[in-house]
Structure formats: structure tokens, C-alpha cells
Amino acid sequence: MKKSLLFIVLAALTLNVFAQIPTNGLIAYYAFSGNANDQSGNSNNGTVTNATLTSDRFGNANSAYSFNGSSVITVNNSTTLKSISSNYSISVWTKISAFNGSGQFPII
């Protein structure tokens, strides 16, 4: 019984950790909650061209974008984006419906 209770508590804590978005040093955050607006507060909003809203990996409607090969989301250069002068990371979730063998996913 004690092992089962411990497992449930640890599982609940683990699920909560993955749901949190770090904000310290965050330059841009795109939740894609119906648009490509920056949720970090830095106003690095994206302009969507030829991409359509779709359900995300959890089934939430209008929370992800589908790209057709000519689709882009453009973010204009800004003071906060220009201030990146050291190491940084980019994290994305992708689902590939067709693979052409190039293995390239440009982020420009």
C-alpha cells in the first residue's frame, strides 16, 4: 500500500513539472492558442502565412499549426531578439506526416 501511494504522489509531481514554462531569461514563447502571438511579454509576435490552426498533441483545438510546404510563421527582428549574445535553446514539438529525406527544419 505504501509503495502504491508513493508512486501516485511521484507521478503527480512529475506531471506538474512538465506543465511548467520557465520564465527566467525567456525571450519568446509561442503557445499557439489561436494565434502566433508571443506570450513572454516581449511582443515578438509572429505573422502566419499559409499555415492553418489544428489540434495539438493533446487534442486541444486551435493550439498548433499545420504547414503545407509553403507555410511560414515570420517574427520580425526586435531589440529582445537582437540581444541574444550567448548560448540559447529552442524547443519545439513536431509531427511529420511526410518525410522527403532531407531532415532539415529551418528556423531562420
PDB file of N, CA and C in Angstrom:
ATOM      1  N   MET A   1       0.820  -1.198   0.000  1.00  0.00           N
ATOM      2  CA  MET A   1       0.000   0.000   0.000  1.00  0.00           C
ATOM      3  C   MET A   1       0.864   1.262   0.000  1.00  0.00           C
ATOM      4  N   LYS A   2       1.928   1.245   0.817  1.00  0.00           N
ATOM      5  CA  LYS A   2       2.793   2.418   0.896  1.00  0.00           C
ATOM      6  C   LYS A   2       3.482   2.671  -0.441  1.00  0.00           C
ATOM      7  N   LYS A   3       3.893   1.599  -1.140  1.00  0.00           N
ATOM      8  CA  LYS A   3       4.563   1.756  -2.440  1.00  0.00           C
ATOM      9  C   LYS A   3       3.604   2.341  -3.473  1.00  0.00           C
ATOM     10  N   SER A   4       2.353   1.914  -3.448  1.00  0.00           N
ATOM     11  CA  SER A   4       1.356   2.438  -4.388  1.00  0.00           C
ATOM     12  C   SER A   4       1.115   3.920  -4.161  1.00  0.00           C
ATOM     13  N   LEU A   5       0.996   4.313  -2.915  1.00  0.00           N
ATOM     14  CA  LEU A   5       0.771   5.713  -2.575  1.00  0.00           C
ATOM     15  C   LEU A   5       1.968   6.560  -2.986  1.00  0.00           C
ATOM     16  N   LEU A   6       3.175   6.084  -2.735  1.00  0.00           N
ATOM     17  CA  LEU A   6       4.386   6.794  -3.124  1.00  0.00           C
ATOM     18  C   LEU A   6       4.447   6.964  -4.645  1.00  0.00           C
ATOM     19  N   PHE A   7       4.104   5.923  -5.395  1.00  0.00           N
ATOM     20  CA  PHE A   7       4.103   6.001  -6.853  1.00  0.00           C
ATOM     21  C   PHE A   7       3.115   7.054  -7.343  1.00  0.00           C
ATOM     22  N   ILE A   8       1.928   7.089  -6.762  1.00  0.00           N
ATOM     23  CA  ILE A   8       0.905   8.062  -7.177  1.00  0.00           C
ATOM     24  C   ILE A   8       1.374   9.483  -6.897  1.00  0.00           C
ATOM     25  N   VAL A   9       1.973   9.715  -5.738  1.00  0.00           N
ATOM     26  CA  VAL A   9       2.470  11.053  -5.393  1.00  0.00           C
ATOM     27  C   VAL A   9       3.587  11.466  -6.348  1.00  0.00           C
ATOM     28  N   LEU A  10       4.540  10.571  -6.612  1.00  0.00           N
ATOM     29  CA  LEU A  10       5.639  10.887  -7.531  1.00  0.00           C
ATOM     30  C   LEU A  10       5.138  11.137  -8.944  1.00  0.00           C
ATOM     31  N   ALA A  11       4.179  10.355  -9.393  1.00  0.00           N
ATOM     32  CA  ALA A  11       3.615  10.556 -10.733  1.00  0.00           C
ATOM     33  C   ALA A  11       2.933  11.914 -10.832  1.00  0.00           C
ATOM     34  N   ALA A  12       2.192  12.297  -9.813  1.00  0.00           N
ATOM     35  CA  ALA A  12       1.510  13.597  -9.819  1.00  0.00           C
ATOM     36  C   ALA A  12       2.517  14.736  -9.842  1.00  0.00           C
ATOM     37  N   LEU A  13       3.582  14.628  -9.063  1.00  0.00           N
ATOM     38  CA  LEU A  13       4.612  15.668  -9.058  1.00  0.00           C
ATOM     39  C   LEU A  13       5.311  15.764 -10.405  1.00  0.00           C
ATOM     40  N   THR A  14       5.585  14.639 -11.033  1.00  0.00           N
ATOM     41  CA  THR A  14       6.252  14.625 -12.333  1.00  0.00           C
ATOM     42  C   THR A  14       5.381  15.287 -13.386  1.00  0.00           C
ATOM     43  N   LEU A  15       4.096  15.020 -13.392  1.00  0.00           N
ATOM     44  CA  LEU A  15       3.197  15.633 -14.367  1.00  0.00           C
ATOM     45  C   LEU A  15       3.170  17.140 -14.210  1.00  0.00           C
ATOM     46  N   ASN A  16       3.197  17.631 -12.998  1.00  0.00           N
ATOM     47  CA  ASN A  16       3.188  19.070 -12.766  1.00  0.00           C
ATOM     48  C   ASN A  16       4.471  19.726 -13.234  1.00  0.00           C
ATOM     49  N   VAL A  17       5.602  19.073 -13.106  1.00  0.00           N
ATOM     50  CA  VAL A  17       6.880  19.636 -13.530  1.00  0.00           C
ATOM     51  C   VAL A  17       6.871  19.880 -15.028  1.00  0.00           C
ATOM     52  N   PHE A  18       6.357  18.947 -15.816  1.00  0.00           N
ATOM     53  CA  PHE A  18       6.362  19.088 -17.263  1.00  0.00           C
ATOM     54  C   PHE A  18       5.392  20.158 -17.757  1.00  0.00           C
ATOM     55  N   ALA A  19       4.435  20.544 -16.936  1.00  0.00           N
ATOM     56  CA  ALA A  19       3.448  21.528 -17.354  1.00  0.00           C
ATOM     57  C   ALA A  19       3.920  22.962 -17.145  1.00  0.00           C
ATOM     58  N   GLN A  20       5.061  23.156 -16.506  1.00  0.00           N
ATOM     59  CA  GLN A  20       5.520  24.500 -16.188  1.00  0.00           C
ATOM     60  C   GLN A  20       6.444  25.042 -17.275  1.00  0.00           C
ATOM     61  N   ILE A  21       6.278  26.317 -17.606  1.00  0.00           N
ATOM     62  CA  ILE A  21       7.120  27.001 -18.580  1.00  0.00           C
ATOM     63  C   ILE A  21       8.083  27.897 -17.801  1.00  0.00           C
ATOM     64  N   PRO A  22       9.407  27.714 -17.958  1.00  0.00           N
ATOM     65  CA  PRO A  22      10.337  28.600 -17.260  1.00  0.00           C
ATOM     66  C   PRO A  22      10.243  30.014 -17.827  1.00  0.00           C
ATOM     67  N   THR A  23      10.340  31.006 -16.976  1.00  0.00           N
ATOM     68  CA  THR A  23      10.219  32.377 -17.441  1.00  0.00           C
ATOM     69  C   THR A  23      11.502  33.184 -17.282  1.00  0.00           C
ATOM     70  N   ASN A  24      12.458  32.708 -16.495  1.00  0.00           N
ATOM     71  CA  ASN A  24      13.707  33.429 -16.285  1.00  0.00           C
ATOM     72  C   ASN A  24      14.518  33.450 -17.582  1.00  0.00           C
ATOM     73  N   GLY A  25      14.724  34.641 -18.151  1.00  0.00           N
ATOM     74  CA  GLY A  25      15.501  34.776 -19.379  1.00  0.00           C
ATOM     75  C   GLY A  25      14.736  34.426 -20.641  1.00  0.00           C
ATOM     76  N   LEU A  26      13.438  34.227 -20.543  1.00  0.00           N
ATOM     77  CA  LEU A  26      12.626  33.851 -21.699  1.00  0.00           C
ATOM     78  C   LEU A  26      12.536  35.020 -22.677  1.00  0.00           C
ATOM     79  N   ILE A  27      12.886  34.790 -23.934  1.00  0.00           N
ATOM     80  CA  ILE A  27      12.849  35.826 -24.973  1.00  0.00           C
ATOM     81  C   ILE A  27      11.515  35.782 -25.719  1.00  0.00           C
ATOM     82  N   ALA A  28      11.022  34.579 -25.995  1.00  0.00           N
ATOM     83  CA  ALA A  28       9.759  34.420 -26.721  1.00  0.00           C
ATOM     84  C   ALA A  28       9.133  33.090 -26.329  1.00  0.00           C
ATOM     85  N   TYR A  29       7.810  33.059 -26.324  1.00  0.00           N
ATOM     86  CA  TYR A  29       7.064  31.836 -26.035  1.00  0.00           C
ATOM     87  C   TYR A  29       5.792  31.855 -26.878  1.00  0.00           C
ATOM     88  N   TYR A  30       5.641  30.842 -27.702  1.00  0.00           N
ATOM     89  CA  TYR A  30       4.505  30.768 -28.614  1.00  0.00           C
ATOM     90  C   TYR A  30       3.627  29.588 -28.209  1.00  0.00           C
ATOM     91  N   ALA A  31       2.530  29.873 -27.536  1.00  0.00           N
ATOM     92  CA  ALA A  31       1.598  28.834 -27.091  1.00  0.00           C
ATOM     93  C   ALA A  31       0.694  28.378 -28.234  1.00  0.00           C
ATOM     94  N   PHE A  32       0.625  29.159 -29.315  1.00  0.00           N
ATOM     95  CA  PHE A  32      -0.254  28.876 -30.460  1.00  0.00           C
ATOM     96  C   PHE A  32      -1.678  28.640 -29.991  1.00  0.00           C
ATOM     97  N   SER A  33      -2.139  29.465 -29.089  1.00  0.00           N
ATOM     98  CA  SER A  33      -3.504  29.361 -28.583  1.00  0.00           C
ATOM     99  C   SER A  33      -4.435  30.205 -29.452  1.00  0.00           C
ATOM    100  N   GLY A  34      -4.554  29.804 -30.714  1.00  0.00           N
ATOM    101  CA  GLY A  34      -5.413  30.509 -31.657  1.00  0.00           C
ATOM    102  C   GLY A  34      -4.674  31.526 -32.499  1.00  0.00           C
ATOM    103  N   ASN A  35      -3.389  31.767 -32.200  1.00  0.00           N
ATOM    104  CA  ASN A  35      -2.607  32.738 -32.955  1.00  0.00           C
ATOM    105  C   ASN A  35      -1.114  32.460 -32.754  1.00  0.00           C
ATOM    106  N   ALA A  36      -0.258  33.283 -33.339  1.00  0.00           N
ATOM    107  CA  ALA A  36       1.194  33.134 -33.191  1.00  0.00           C
ATOM    108  C   ALA A  36       1.775  34.282 -32.377  1.00  0.00           C
ATOM    109  N   ASN A  37       1.008  34.759 -31.399  1.00  0.00           N
ATOM    110  CA  ASN A  37       1.473  35.849 -30.550  1.00  0.00           C
ATOM    111  C   ASN A  37       2.457  35.346 -29.498  1.00  0.00           C
ATOM    112  N   ASP A  38       3.433  36.179 -29.181  1.00  0.00           N
ATOM    113  CA  ASP A  38       4.440  35.897 -28.172  1.00  0.00           C
ATOM    114  C   ASP A  38       3.826  36.071 -26.790  1.00  0.00           C
ATOM    115  N   GLN A  39       3.833  35.020 -25.988  1.00  0.00           N
ATOM    116  CA  GLN A  39       3.243  35.060 -24.645  1.00  0.00           C
ATOM    117  C   GLN A  39       4.260  35.445 -23.565  1.00  0.00           C
ATOM    118  N   SER A  40       5.506  35.755 -23.960  1.00  0.00           N
ATOM    119  CA  SER A  40       6.544  36.085 -22.979  1.00  0.00           C
ATOM    120  C   SER A  40       6.431  37.517 -22.464  1.00  0.00           C
ATOM    121  N   GLY A  41       5.665  38.344 -23.154  1.00  0.00           N
ATOM    122  CA  GLY A  41       5.575  39.747 -22.783  1.00  0.00           C
ATOM    123  C   GLY A  41       6.547  40.626 -23.553  1.00  0.00           C
ATOM    124  N   ASN A  42       7.348  40.037 -24.444  1.00  0.00           N
ATOM    125  CA  ASN A  42       8.327  40.796 -25.215  1.00  0.00           C
ATOM    126  C   ASN A  42       7.815  41.236 -26.584  1.00  0.00           C
ATOM    127  N   SER A  43       6.568  40.920 -26.906  1.00  0.00           N
ATOM    128  CA  SER A  43       5.907  41.343 -28.155  1.00  0.00           C
ATOM    129  C   SER A  43       6.614  40.880 -29.421  1.00  0.00           C
ATOM    130  N   ASN A  44       7.214  39.695 -29.392  1.00  0.00           N
ATOM    131  CA  ASN A  44       7.818  39.110 -30.596  1.00  0.00           C
ATOM    132  C   ASN A  44       6.766  38.269 -31.321  1.00  0.00           C
ATOM    133  N   ASN A  45       5.663  38.920 -31.690  1.00  0.00           N
ATOM    134  CA  ASN A  45       4.535  38.231 -32.313  1.00  0.00           C
ATOM    135  C   ASN A  45       4.886  37.750 -33.713  1.00  0.00           C
ATOM    136  N   GLY A  46       4.313  36.606 -34.071  1.00  0.00           N
ATOM    137  CA  GLY A  46       4.540  36.034 -35.387  1.00  0.00           C
ATOM    138  C   GLY A  46       3.420  36.374 -36.350  1.00  0.00           C
ATOM    139  N   THR A  47       3.770  36.428 -37.637  1.00  0.00           N
ATOM    140  CA  THR A  47       2.786  36.611 -38.701  1.00  0.00           C
ATOM    141  C   THR A  47       2.675  35.291 -39.447  1.00  0.00           C
ATOM    142  N   VAL A  48       1.474  34.736 -39.501  1.00  0.00           N
ATOM    143  CA  VAL A  48       1.236  33.425 -40.101  1.00  0.00           C
ATOM    144  C   VAL A  48       0.913  33.581 -41.582  1.00  0.00           C
ATOM    145  N   THR A  49       1.613  32.813 -42.430  1.00  0.00           N
ATOM    146  CA  THR A  49       1.350  32.796 -43.865  1.00  0.00           C
ATOM    147  C   THR A  49       1.144  31.349 -44.314  1.00  0.00           C
ATOM    148  N   ASN A  50      -0.054  31.035 -44.787  1.00  0.00           N
ATOM    149  CA  ASN A  50      -0.409  29.723 -45.347  1.00  0.00           C
ATOM    150  C   ASN A  50      -0.378  28.566 -44.370  1.00  0.00           C
ATOM    151  N   ALA A  51      -0.243  28.801 -43.081  1.00  0.00           N
ATOM    152  CA  ALA A  51      -0.336  27.738 -42.083  1.00  0.00           C
ATOM    153  C   ALA A  51      -1.742  27.774 -41.494  1.00  0.00           C
ATOM    154  N   THR A  52      -2.261  26.617 -41.130  1.00  0.00           N
ATOM    155  CA  THR A  52      -3.617  26.554 -40.585  1.00  0.00           C
ATOM    156  C   THR A  52      -3.589  26.018 -39.160  1.00  0.00           C
ATOM    157  N   LEU A  53      -4.461  26.566 -38.331  1.00  0.00           N
ATOM    158  CA  LEU A  53      -4.576  26.076 -36.966  1.00  0.00           C
ATOM    159  C   LEU A  53      -5.144  24.666 -36.959  1.00  0.00           C
ATOM    160  N   THR A  54      -4.641  23.853 -36.034  1.00  0.00           N
ATOM    161  CA  THR A  54      -5.087  22.474 -35.896  1.00  0.00           C
ATOM    162  C   THR A  54      -4.994  22.082 -34.422  1.00  0.00           C
ATOM    163  N   SER A  55      -5.333  20.852 -34.098  1.00  0.00           N
ATOM    164  CA  SER A  55      -5.251  20.370 -32.720  1.00  0.00           C
ATOM    165  C   SER A  55      -3.811  20.053 -32.347  1.00  0.00           C
ATOM    166  N   ASP A  56      -3.466  20.283 -31.078  1.00  0.00           N
ATOM    167  CA  ASP A  56      -2.118  19.967 -30.608  1.00  0.00           C
ATOM    168  C   ASP A  56      -2.009  18.482 -30.240  1.00  0.00           C
ATOM    169  N   ARG A  57      -0.881  18.073 -29.683  1.00  0.00           N
ATOM    170  CA  ARG A  57      -0.630  16.660 -29.377  1.00  0.00           C
ATOM    171  C   ARG A  57      -1.564  16.117 -28.302  1.00  0.00           C
ATOM    172  N   PHE A  58      -2.234  17.009 -27.556  1.00  0.00           N
ATOM    173  CA  PHE A  58      -3.181  16.574 -26.538  1.00  0.00           C
ATOM    174  C   PHE A  58      -4.628  16.637 -27.033  1.00  0.00           C
ATOM    175  N   GLY A  59      -4.831  17.053 -28.296  1.00  0.00           N
ATOM    176  CA  GLY A  59      -6.170  17.153 -28.857  1.00  0.00           C
ATOM    177  C   GLY A  59      -6.843  18.489 -28.638  1.00  0.00           C
ATOM    178  N   ASN A  60      -6.119  19.481 -28.117  1.00  0.00           N
ATOM    179  CA  ASN A  60      -6.700  20.816 -27.906  1.00  0.00           C
ATOM    180  C   ASN A  60      -6.837  21.533 -29.244  1.00  0.00           C
ATOM    181  N   ALA A  61      -8.052  21.899 -29.600  1.00  0.00           N
ATOM    182  CA  ALA A  61      -8.319  22.543 -30.887  1.00  0.00           C
ATOM    183  C   ALA A  61      -7.624  23.903 -30.987  1.00  0.00           C
ATOM    184  N   ASN A  62      -7.199  24.251 -32.195  1.00  0.00           N
ATOM    185  CA  ASN A  62      -6.579  25.555 -32.491  1.00  0.00           C
ATOM    186  C   ASN A  62      -5.389  25.871 -31.587  1.00  0.00           C
ATOM    187  N   SER A  63      -4.561  24.868 -31.307  1.00  0.00           N
ATOM    188  CA  SER A  63      -3.416  25.037 -30.414  1.00  0.00           C
ATOM    189  C   SER A  63      -2.106  24.600 -31.049  1.00  0.00           C
ATOM    190  N   ALA A  64      -2.110  24.431 -32.364  1.00  0.00           N
ATOM    191  CA  ALA A  64      -0.910  24.063 -33.123  1.00  0.00           C
ATOM    192  C   ALA A  64      -1.126  24.520 -34.559  1.00  0.00           C
ATOM    193  N   TYR A  65      -0.048  24.523 -35.335  1.00  0.00           N
ATOM    194  CA  TYR A  65      -0.163  24.906 -36.745  1.00  0.00           C
ATOM    195  C   TYR A  65       0.237  23.751 -37.648  1.00  0.00           C
ATOM    196  N   SER A  66      -0.473  23.635 -38.771  1.00  0.00           N
ATOM    197  CA  SER A  66      -0.152  22.669 -39.810  1.00  0.00           C
ATOM    198  C   SER A  66       0.478  23.433 -40.975  1.00  0.00           C
ATOM    199  N   PHE A  67       1.628  22.942 -41.443  1.00  0.00           N
ATOM    200  CA  PHE A  67       2.366  23.581 -42.534  1.00  0.00           C
ATOM    201  C   PHE A  67       2.269  22.719 -43.779  1.00  0.00           C
ATOM    202  N   ASN A  68       2.156  23.367 -44.952  1.00  0.00           N
ATOM    203  CA  ASN A  68       1.938  22.636 -46.200  1.00  0.00           C
ATOM    204  C   ASN A  68       3.125  22.667 -47.154  1.00  0.00           C
ATOM    205  N   GLY A  69       4.265  23.120 -46.730  1.00  0.00           N
ATOM    206  CA  GLY A  69       5.429  23.203 -47.604  1.00  0.00           C
ATOM    207  C   GLY A  69       5.738  24.620 -48.034  1.00  0.00           C
ATOM    208  N   SER A  70       4.723  25.474 -48.090  1.00  0.00           N
ATOM    209  CA  SER A  70       4.960  26.883 -48.399  1.00  0.00           C
ATOM    210  C   SER A  70       4.549  27.771 -47.226  1.00  0.00           C
ATOM    211  N   SER A  71       4.219  27.141 -46.103  1.00  0.00           N
ATOM    212  CA  SER A  71       3.768  27.870 -44.915  1.00  0.00           C
ATOM    213  C   SER A  71       4.955  28.377 -44.120  1.00  0.00           C
ATOM    214  N   VAL A  72       4.783  29.535 -43.519  1.00  0.00           N
ATOM    215  CA  VAL A  72       5.798  30.087 -42.622  1.00  0.00           C
ATOM    216  C   VAL A  72       5.120  30.880 -41.515  1.00  0.00           C
ATOM    217  N   ILE A  73       5.829  31.018 -40.408  1.00  0.00           N
ATOM    218  CA  ILE A  73       5.473  31.983 -39.372  1.00  0.00           C
ATOM    219  C   ILE A  73       6.693  32.876 -39.251  1.00  0.00           C
ATOM    220  N   THR A  74       6.515  34.160 -39.546  1.00  0.00           N
ATOM    221  CA  THR A  74       7.608  35.123 -39.554  1.00  0.00           C
ATOM    222  C   THR A  74       7.540  35.980 -38.297  1.00  0.00           C
ATOM    223  N   VAL A  75       8.699  36.142 -37.652  1.00  0.00           N
ATOM    224  CA  VAL A  75       8.810  37.025 -36.493  1.00  0.00           C
ATOM    225  C   VAL A  75       9.812  38.104 -36.867  1.00  0.00           C
ATOM    226  N   ASN A  76       9.382  39.353 -36.800  1.00  0.00           N
ATOM    227  CA  ASN A  76      10.276  40.458 -37.138  1.00  0.00           C
ATOM    228  C   ASN A  76      11.403  40.570 -36.124  1.00  0.00           C
ATOM    229  N   ASN A  77      12.549  41.051 -36.584  1.00  0.00           N
ATOM    230  CA  ASN A  77      13.681  41.271 -35.706  1.00  0.00           C
ATOM    231  C   ASN A  77      13.309  42.348 -34.691  1.00  0.00           C
ATOM    232  N   SER A  78      13.677  42.150 -33.446  1.00  0.00           N
ATOM    233  CA  SER A  78      13.346  43.105 -32.399  1.00  0.00           C
ATOM    234  C   SER A  78      14.545  43.287 -31.475  1.00  0.00           C
ATOM    235  N   THR A  79      14.435  44.244 -30.596  1.00  0.00           N
ATOM    236  CA  THR A  79      15.512  44.504 -29.632  1.00  0.00           C
ATOM    237  C   THR A  79      15.797  43.273 -28.786  1.00  0.00           C
ATOM    238  N   THR A  80      14.741  42.592 -28.313  1.00  0.00           N
ATOM    239  CA  THR A  80      14.963  41.413 -27.470  1.00  0.00           C
ATOM    240  C   THR A  80      15.586  40.267 -28.249  1.00  0.00           C
ATOM    241  N   LEU A  81      15.202  40.094 -29.505  1.00  0.00           N
ATOM    242  CA  LEU A  81      15.808  39.033 -30.314  1.00  0.00           C
ATOM    243  C   LEU A  81      17.257  39.359 -30.658  1.00  0.00           C
ATOM    244  N   LYS A  82      17.542  40.626 -30.884  1.00  0.00           N
ATOM    245  CA  LYS A  82      18.913  41.044 -31.190  1.00  0.00           C
ATOM    246  C   LYS A  82      19.818  40.942 -29.965  1.00  0.00           C
ATOM    247  N   SER A  83      19.235  40.912 -28.762  1.00  0.00           N
ATOM    248  CA  SER A  83      20.034  40.887 -27.536  1.00  0.00           C
ATOM    249  C   SER A  83      20.604  39.512 -27.217  1.00  0.00           C
ATOM    250  N   ILE A  84      20.246  38.487 -27.989  1.00  0.00           N
ATOM    251  CA  ILE A  84      20.763  37.142 -27.744  1.00  0.00           C
ATOM    252  C   ILE A  84      22.236  37.123 -28.139  1.00  0.00           C
ATOM    253  N   SER A  85      23.118  37.062 -27.145  1.00  0.00           N
ATOM    254  CA  SER A  85      24.545  37.112 -27.440  1.00  0.00           C
ATOM    255  C   SER A  85      25.301  35.915 -26.876  1.00  0.00           C
ATOM    256  N   SER A  86      24.608  35.022 -26.204  1.00  0.00           N
ATOM    257  CA  SER A  86      25.272  33.853 -25.640  1.00  0.00           C
ATOM    258  C   SER A  86      24.483  32.602 -26.011  1.00  0.00           C
ATOM    259  N   ASN A  87      24.760  31.510 -25.373  1.00  0.00           N
ATOM    260  CA  ASN A  87      24.072  30.257 -25.665  1.00  0.00           C
ATOM    261  C   ASN A  87      22.578  30.389 -25.435  1.00  0.00           C
ATOM    262  N   TYR A  88      21.813  29.695 -26.258  1.00  0.00           N
ATOM    263  CA  TYR A  88      20.367  29.698 -26.107  1.00  0.00           C
ATOM    264  C   TYR A  88      19.827  28.358 -26.568  1.00  0.00           C
ATOM    265  N   SER A  89      18.589  28.084 -26.273  1.00  0.00           N
ATOM    266  CA  SER A  89      17.968  26.841 -26.721  1.00  0.00           C
ATOM    267  C   SER A  89      16.614  27.146 -27.339  1.00  0.00           C
ATOM    268  N   ILE A  90      16.225  26.266 -28.239  1.00  0.00           N
ATOM    269  CA  ILE A  90      14.913  26.337 -28.888  1.00  0.00           C
ATOM    270  C   ILE A  90      14.269  24.977 -28.696  1.00  0.00           C
ATOM    271  N   SER A  91      13.034  24.969 -28.257  1.00  0.00           N
ATOM    272  CA  SER A  91      12.324  23.719 -28.034  1.00  0.00           C
ATOM    273  C   SER A  91      11.034  23.730 -28.846  1.00  0.00           C
ATOM    274  N   VAL A  92      10.794  22.677 -29.609  1.00  0.00           N
ATOM    275  CA  VAL A  92       9.577  22.566 -30.410  1.00  0.00           C
ATOM    276  C   VAL A  92       9.074  21.127 -30.374  1.00  0.00           C
ATOM    277  N   TRP A  93       7.783  20.967 -30.540  1.00  0.00           N
ATOM    278  CA  TRP A  93       7.176  19.657 -30.760  1.00  0.00           C
ATOM    279  C   TRP A  93       6.753  19.616 -32.216  1.00  0.00           C
ATOM    280  N   THR A  94       7.130  18.583 -32.939  1.00  0.00           N
ATOM    281  CA  THR A  94       6.735  18.456 -34.338  1.00  0.00           C
ATOM    282  C   THR A  94       6.149  17.078 -34.601  1.00  0.00           C
ATOM    283  N   LYS A  95       5.226  17.032 -35.528  1.00  0.00           N
ATOM    284  CA  LYS A  95       4.682  15.769 -36.024  1.00  0.00           C
ATOM    285  C   LYS A  95       4.829  15.823 -37.533  1.00  0.00           C
ATOM    286  N   ILE A  96       5.597  14.904 -38.078  1.00  0.00           N
ATOM    287  CA  ILE A  96       5.869  14.896 -39.510  1.00  0.00           C
ATOM    288  C   ILE A  96       4.938  13.895 -40.183  1.00  0.00           C
ATOM    289  N   SER A  97       4.119  14.385 -41.123  1.00  0.00           N
ATOM    290  CA  SER A  97       3.185  13.491 -41.809  1.00  0.00           C
ATOM    291  C   SER A  97       3.794  12.913 -43.077  1.00  0.00           C
ATOM    292  N   ALA A  98       4.799  13.577 -43.633  1.00  0.00           N
ATOM    293  CA  ALA A  98       5.503  13.063 -44.808  1.00  0.00           C
ATOM    294  C   ALA A  98       6.959  13.491 -44.692  1.00  0.00           C
ATOM    295  N   PHE A  99       7.867  12.592 -45.043  1.00  0.00           N
ATOM    296  CA  PHE A  99       9.292  12.891 -44.911  1.00  0.00           C
ATOM    297  C   PHE A  99       9.936  12.801 -46.285  1.00  0.00           C
ATOM    298  N   ASN A 100      10.606  13.893 -46.706  1.00  0.00           N
ATOM    299  CA  ASN A 100      11.205  13.901 -48.033  1.00  0.00           C
ATOM    300  C   ASN A 100      12.674  13.490 -48.025  1.00  0.00           C
ATOM    301  N   GLY A 101      13.190  13.128 -46.857  1.00  0.00           N
ATOM    302  CA  GLY A 101      14.564  12.636 -46.761  1.00  0.00           C
ATOM    303  C   GLY A 101      15.605  13.681 -46.467  1.00  0.00           C
ATOM    304  N   SER A 102      15.237  14.964 -46.461  1.00  0.00           N
ATOM    305  CA  SER A 102      16.258  15.997 -46.254  1.00  0.00           C
ATOM    306  C   SER A 102      16.607  16.147 -44.778  1.00  0.00           C
ATOM    307  N   GLY A 103      15.654  15.958 -43.877  1.00  0.00           N
ATOM    308  CA  GLY A 103      15.910  16.089 -42.450  1.00  0.00           C
ATOM    309  C   GLY A 103      16.193  17.506 -42.005  1.00  0.00           C
ATOM    310  N   GLN A 104      15.798  18.495 -42.805  1.00  0.00           N
ATOM    311  CA  GLN A 104      16.053  19.880 -42.460  1.00  0.00           C
ATOM    312  C   GLN A 104      14.762  20.566 -42.035  1.00  0.00           C
ATOM    313  N   PHE A 105      14.850  21.279 -40.919  1.00  0.00           N
ATOM    314  CA  PHE A 105      13.730  22.036 -40.408  1.00  0.00           C
ATOM    315  C   PHE A 105      14.233  23.432 -40.123  1.00  0.00           C
ATOM    316  N   PRO A 106      14.182  24.326 -41.098  1.00  0.00           N
ATOM    317  CA  PRO A 106      14.824  25.652 -40.918  1.00  0.00           C
ATOM    318  C   PRO A 106      14.099  26.530 -39.914  1.00  0.00           C
ATOM    319  N   ILE A 107      14.879  27.113 -39.042  1.00  0.00           N
ATOM    320  CA  ILE A 107      14.418  28.177 -38.159  1.00  0.00           C
ATOM    321  C   ILE A 107      15.349  29.334 -38.437  1.00  0.00           C
ATOM    322  N   ILE A 108      14.843  30.338 -39.151  1.00  0.00           N
ATOM    323  CA  ILE A 108      15.702  31.429 -39.622  1.00  0.00           C
ATOM    324  C   ILE A 108      15.337  32.708 -38.919  1.00  0.00           C
TER     325      ILE A 108
END
